Amino acid sequence: MAYDESEIEDTVLALLAAFSFDGGRAWKGFDFDVTDRLDAQDFIEKPASKNKSVWLTPQGLERGRKIAEQLFSSGPDNAG
């Protein structure tokens, strides 16, 4: 089955933002091709480092939080 790459990128970014700590740090554990594309779009920094976490850029954290709210919110505004 073919998947929409931009939807996958948005979902991974949302998960990184939803589980971020220390003002934008998130554990990495996603496909390297996806994290490389997020890095190319300036949403995360240096995914290929030896660190077990990545930093979300300010714009990546903001966009990721917005997408996470749309995808994962349990509030009444998320009627889906």
N, C-alpha and C. Protein backbone atom coordinates (compact mmCIF):
# COMPACT_ATOMS: atom_id res chain seq x y z
N MET A 1 0.85 -1.17 0.00
CA MET A 1 0.00 0.00 0.00
C MET A 1 0.89 1.24 0.00
N ALA A 2 0.54 2.20 -0.81
CA ALA A 2 1.28 3.46 -0.86
C ALA A 2 0.69 4.43 0.15
N TYR A 3 1.57 5.12 0.84
CA TYR A 3 1.15 6.09 1.85
C TYR A 3 1.57 7.49 1.41
N ASP A 4 0.82 8.48 1.83
CA ASP A 4 1.11 9.88 1.55
C ASP A 4 2.28 10.31 2.45
N GLU A 5 3.43 10.56 1.85
CA GLU A 5 4.64 10.91 2.61
C GLU A 5 4.44 12.16 3.46
N SER A 6 3.72 13.16 2.95
CA SER A 6 3.53 14.39 3.73
C SER A 6 2.65 14.13 4.95
N GLU A 7 1.69 13.21 4.84
CA GLU A 7 0.87 12.85 6.00
C GLU A 7 1.71 12.12 7.05
N ILE A 8 2.60 11.27 6.60
CA ILE A 8 3.50 10.58 7.53
C ILE A 8 4.40 11.58 8.23
N GLU A 9 4.97 12.52 7.48
CA GLU A 9 5.82 13.55 8.07
C GLU A 9 5.05 14.36 9.11
N ASP A 10 3.83 14.77 8.77
CA ASP A 10 3.01 15.53 9.72
C ASP A 10 2.74 14.73 10.99
N THR A 11 2.44 13.45 10.84
CA THR A 11 2.13 12.62 12.00
C THR A 11 3.36 12.43 12.88
N VAL A 12 4.52 12.17 12.28
CA VAL A 12 5.75 12.02 13.06
C VAL A 12 6.08 13.33 13.77
N LEU A 13 5.95 14.45 13.07
CA LEU A 13 6.21 15.75 13.70
C LEU A 13 5.25 15.98 14.86
N ALA A 14 3.99 15.62 14.69
CA ALA A 14 3.00 15.76 15.77
C ALA A 14 3.38 14.90 16.97
N LEU A 15 3.81 13.68 16.73
CA LEU A 15 4.22 12.80 17.83
C LEU A 15 5.46 13.33 18.53
N LEU A 16 6.43 13.82 17.77
CA LEU A 16 7.62 14.41 18.39
C LEU A 16 7.23 15.59 19.28
N ALA A 17 6.34 16.44 18.78
CA ALA A 17 5.91 17.61 19.57
C ALA A 17 5.09 17.19 20.78
N ALA A 18 4.21 16.22 20.61
CA ALA A 18 3.34 15.79 21.71
C ALA A 18 4.15 15.20 22.87
N PHE A 19 5.25 14.55 22.56
CA PHE A 19 6.06 13.92 23.60
C PHE A 19 7.36 14.67 23.87
N SER A 20 7.42 15.94 23.47
CA SER A 20 8.65 16.72 23.66
C SER A 20 8.80 17.13 25.13
N PHE A 21 10.03 17.42 25.50
CA PHE A 21 10.36 17.86 26.85
C PHE A 21 11.51 18.84 26.75
N ASP A 22 11.83 19.51 27.85
CA ASP A 22 12.92 20.49 27.88
C ASP A 22 12.80 21.54 26.78
N GLY A 23 11.59 21.95 26.47
CA GLY A 23 11.39 23.02 25.50
C GLY A 23 11.62 22.66 24.06
N GLY A 24 11.49 21.40 23.71
CA GLY A 24 11.59 21.02 22.30
C GLY A 24 12.43 19.80 22.02
N ARG A 25 12.91 19.11 23.02
CA ARG A 25 13.68 17.89 22.81
C ARG A 25 12.70 16.72 22.78
N ALA A 26 12.95 15.76 21.89
CA ALA A 26 12.09 14.58 21.78
C ALA A 26 12.94 13.36 21.49
N TRP A 27 12.52 12.23 22.01
CA TRP A 27 13.22 10.98 21.73
C TRP A 27 13.01 10.60 20.28
N LYS A 28 14.08 10.20 19.63
CA LYS A 28 13.92 9.79 18.24
C LYS A 28 13.78 8.28 18.18
N GLY A 29 12.98 7.82 17.32
CA GLY A 29 12.74 6.40 17.16
C GLY A 29 11.91 6.17 15.92
N PHE A 30 12.00 7.11 15.00
CA PHE A 30 11.20 7.04 13.78
C PHE A 30 12.12 6.78 12.59
N ASP A 31 11.53 6.40 11.50
CA ASP A 31 12.25 6.11 10.27
C ASP A 31 13.22 7.25 9.93
N PHE A 32 14.45 6.89 9.61
CA PHE A 32 15.48 7.89 9.33
C PHE A 32 15.14 8.75 8.11
N ASP A 33 14.52 8.16 7.10
CA ASP A 33 14.15 8.95 5.92
C ASP A 33 13.15 10.05 6.28
N VAL A 34 12.21 9.72 7.17
CA VAL A 34 11.22 10.71 7.60
C VAL A 34 11.89 11.81 8.40
N THR A 35 12.75 11.45 9.36
CA THR A 35 13.41 12.48 10.16
C THR A 35 14.36 13.32 9.31
N ASP A 36 14.99 12.71 8.30
CA ASP A 36 15.83 13.50 7.39
C ASP A 36 15.01 14.53 6.63
N ARG A 37 13.80 14.14 6.20
CA ARG A 37 12.94 15.09 5.49
C ARG A 37 12.47 16.20 6.42
N LEU A 38 12.17 15.87 7.68
CA LEU A 38 11.78 16.90 8.65
C LEU A 38 12.94 17.86 8.90
N ASP A 39 14.16 17.33 8.91
CA ASP A 39 15.35 18.17 9.06
C ASP A 39 15.50 19.09 7.85
N ALA A 40 15.28 18.56 6.66
CA ALA A 40 15.40 19.37 5.43
C ALA A 40 14.38 20.50 5.41
N GLN A 41 13.25 20.31 6.09
CA GLN A 41 12.22 21.35 6.16
C GLN A 41 12.42 22.27 7.36
N ASP A 42 13.53 22.08 8.09
CA ASP A 42 13.88 22.88 9.27
C ASP A 42 12.88 22.74 10.41
N PHE A 43 12.29 21.55 10.57
CA PHE A 43 11.40 21.29 11.69
C PHE A 43 12.14 20.62 12.86
N ILE A 44 13.23 19.91 12.56
CA ILE A 44 14.07 19.32 13.61
C ILE A 44 15.52 19.58 13.25
N GLU A 45 16.40 19.37 14.25
CA GLU A 45 17.83 19.61 14.04
C GLU A 45 18.63 18.33 14.20
N LYS A 46 19.53 18.08 13.27
CA LYS A 46 20.54 17.03 13.34
C LYS A 46 20.00 15.65 13.75
N PRO A 47 19.11 15.07 12.96
CA PRO A 47 18.59 13.76 13.34
C PRO A 47 19.62 12.65 13.21
N ALA A 48 20.69 12.87 12.45
CA ALA A 48 21.68 11.82 12.23
C ALA A 48 22.77 11.78 13.29
N SER A 49 22.66 12.56 14.34
CA SER A 49 23.68 12.56 15.39
C SER A 49 23.61 11.27 16.22
N LYS A 50 24.60 11.07 17.06
CA LYS A 50 24.62 9.89 17.93
C LYS A 50 23.68 10.03 19.12
N ASN A 51 23.14 11.22 19.32
CA ASN A 51 22.20 11.43 20.43
C ASN A 51 20.95 10.59 20.23
N LYS A 52 20.31 10.24 21.32
CA LYS A 52 19.08 9.47 21.26
C LYS A 52 17.85 10.36 21.21
N SER A 53 18.09 11.66 21.11
CA SER A 53 16.99 12.61 21.00
C SER A 53 17.32 13.63 19.92
N VAL A 54 16.28 14.32 19.46
CA VAL A 54 16.44 15.40 18.50
C VAL A 54 15.82 16.66 19.10
N TRP A 55 16.22 17.80 18.58
CA TRP A 55 15.61 19.06 18.99
C TRP A 55 14.65 19.50 17.90
N LEU A 56 13.46 19.87 18.30
CA LEU A 56 12.52 20.49 17.38
C LEU A 56 12.87 21.97 17.30
N THR A 57 12.87 22.51 16.10
CA THR A 57 13.07 23.94 15.95
C THR A 57 11.81 24.65 16.45
N PRO A 58 11.89 25.94 16.73
CA PRO A 58 10.67 26.64 17.18
C PRO A 58 9.50 26.47 16.21
N GLN A 59 9.77 26.57 14.90
CA GLN A 59 8.69 26.39 13.94
C GLN A 59 8.22 24.94 13.88
N GLY A 60 9.13 23.99 14.10
CA GLY A 60 8.75 22.58 14.13
C GLY A 60 7.88 22.26 15.34
N LEU A 61 8.25 22.82 16.49
CA LEU A 61 7.47 22.60 17.71
C LEU A 61 6.08 23.21 17.57
N GLU A 62 6.00 24.41 17.03
CA GLU A 62 4.70 25.07 16.85
C GLU A 62 3.82 24.29 15.87
N ARG A 63 4.38 23.93 14.72
CA ARG A 63 3.60 23.18 13.73
C ARG A 63 3.21 21.81 14.28
N GLY A 64 4.14 21.14 14.94
CA GLY A 64 3.86 19.82 15.49
C GLY A 64 2.76 19.85 16.53
N ARG A 65 2.77 20.87 17.37
CA ARG A 65 1.71 20.99 18.39
C ARG A 65 0.35 21.24 17.76
N LYS A 66 0.31 22.04 16.71
CA LYS A 66 -0.96 22.30 16.02
C LYS A 66 -1.50 21.02 15.39
N ILE A 67 -0.62 20.27 14.75
CA ILE A 67 -1.05 19.01 14.12
C ILE A 67 -1.48 18.02 15.19
N ALA A 68 -0.72 17.94 16.29
CA ALA A 68 -1.07 17.02 17.38
C ALA A 68 -2.43 17.36 17.95
N GLU A 69 -2.72 18.64 18.08
CA GLU A 69 -4.03 19.04 18.60
C GLU A 69 -5.14 18.58 17.65
N GLN A 70 -4.91 18.72 16.35
CA GLN A 70 -5.91 18.28 15.37
C GLN A 70 -6.08 16.77 15.38
N LEU A 71 -4.98 16.04 15.48
CA LEU A 71 -5.03 14.58 15.38
C LEU A 71 -5.42 13.88 16.68
N PHE A 72 -4.96 14.41 17.80
CA PHE A 72 -5.04 13.64 19.04
C PHE A 72 -5.92 14.25 20.12
N SER A 73 -6.46 15.44 19.91
CA SER A 73 -7.24 16.10 20.95
C SER A 73 -8.48 15.29 21.30
N SER A 74 -8.76 15.20 22.59
CA SER A 74 -9.95 14.48 23.03
C SER A 74 -11.07 15.44 23.41
N GLY A 75 -10.85 16.72 23.16
CA GLY A 75 -11.84 17.74 23.52
C GLY A 75 -13.00 17.79 22.54
N PRO A 76 -14.03 18.56 22.87
CA PRO A 76 -15.22 18.65 22.02
C PRO A 76 -14.97 19.30 20.67
N ASP A 77 -13.87 20.08 20.54
CA ASP A 77 -13.56 20.72 19.27
C ASP A 77 -13.06 19.73 18.23
N ASN A 78 -12.72 18.52 18.64
CA ASN A 78 -12.18 17.52 17.74
C ASN A 78 -13.27 16.51 17.37
N ALA A 79 -14.28 16.97 16.69
CA ALA A 79 -15.39 16.10 16.32
C ALA A 79 -15.02 15.14 15.20
N GLY A 80 -13.88 15.43 14.48
CA GLY A 80 -13.35 14.54 13.47
C GLY A 80 -14.24 14.36 12.34
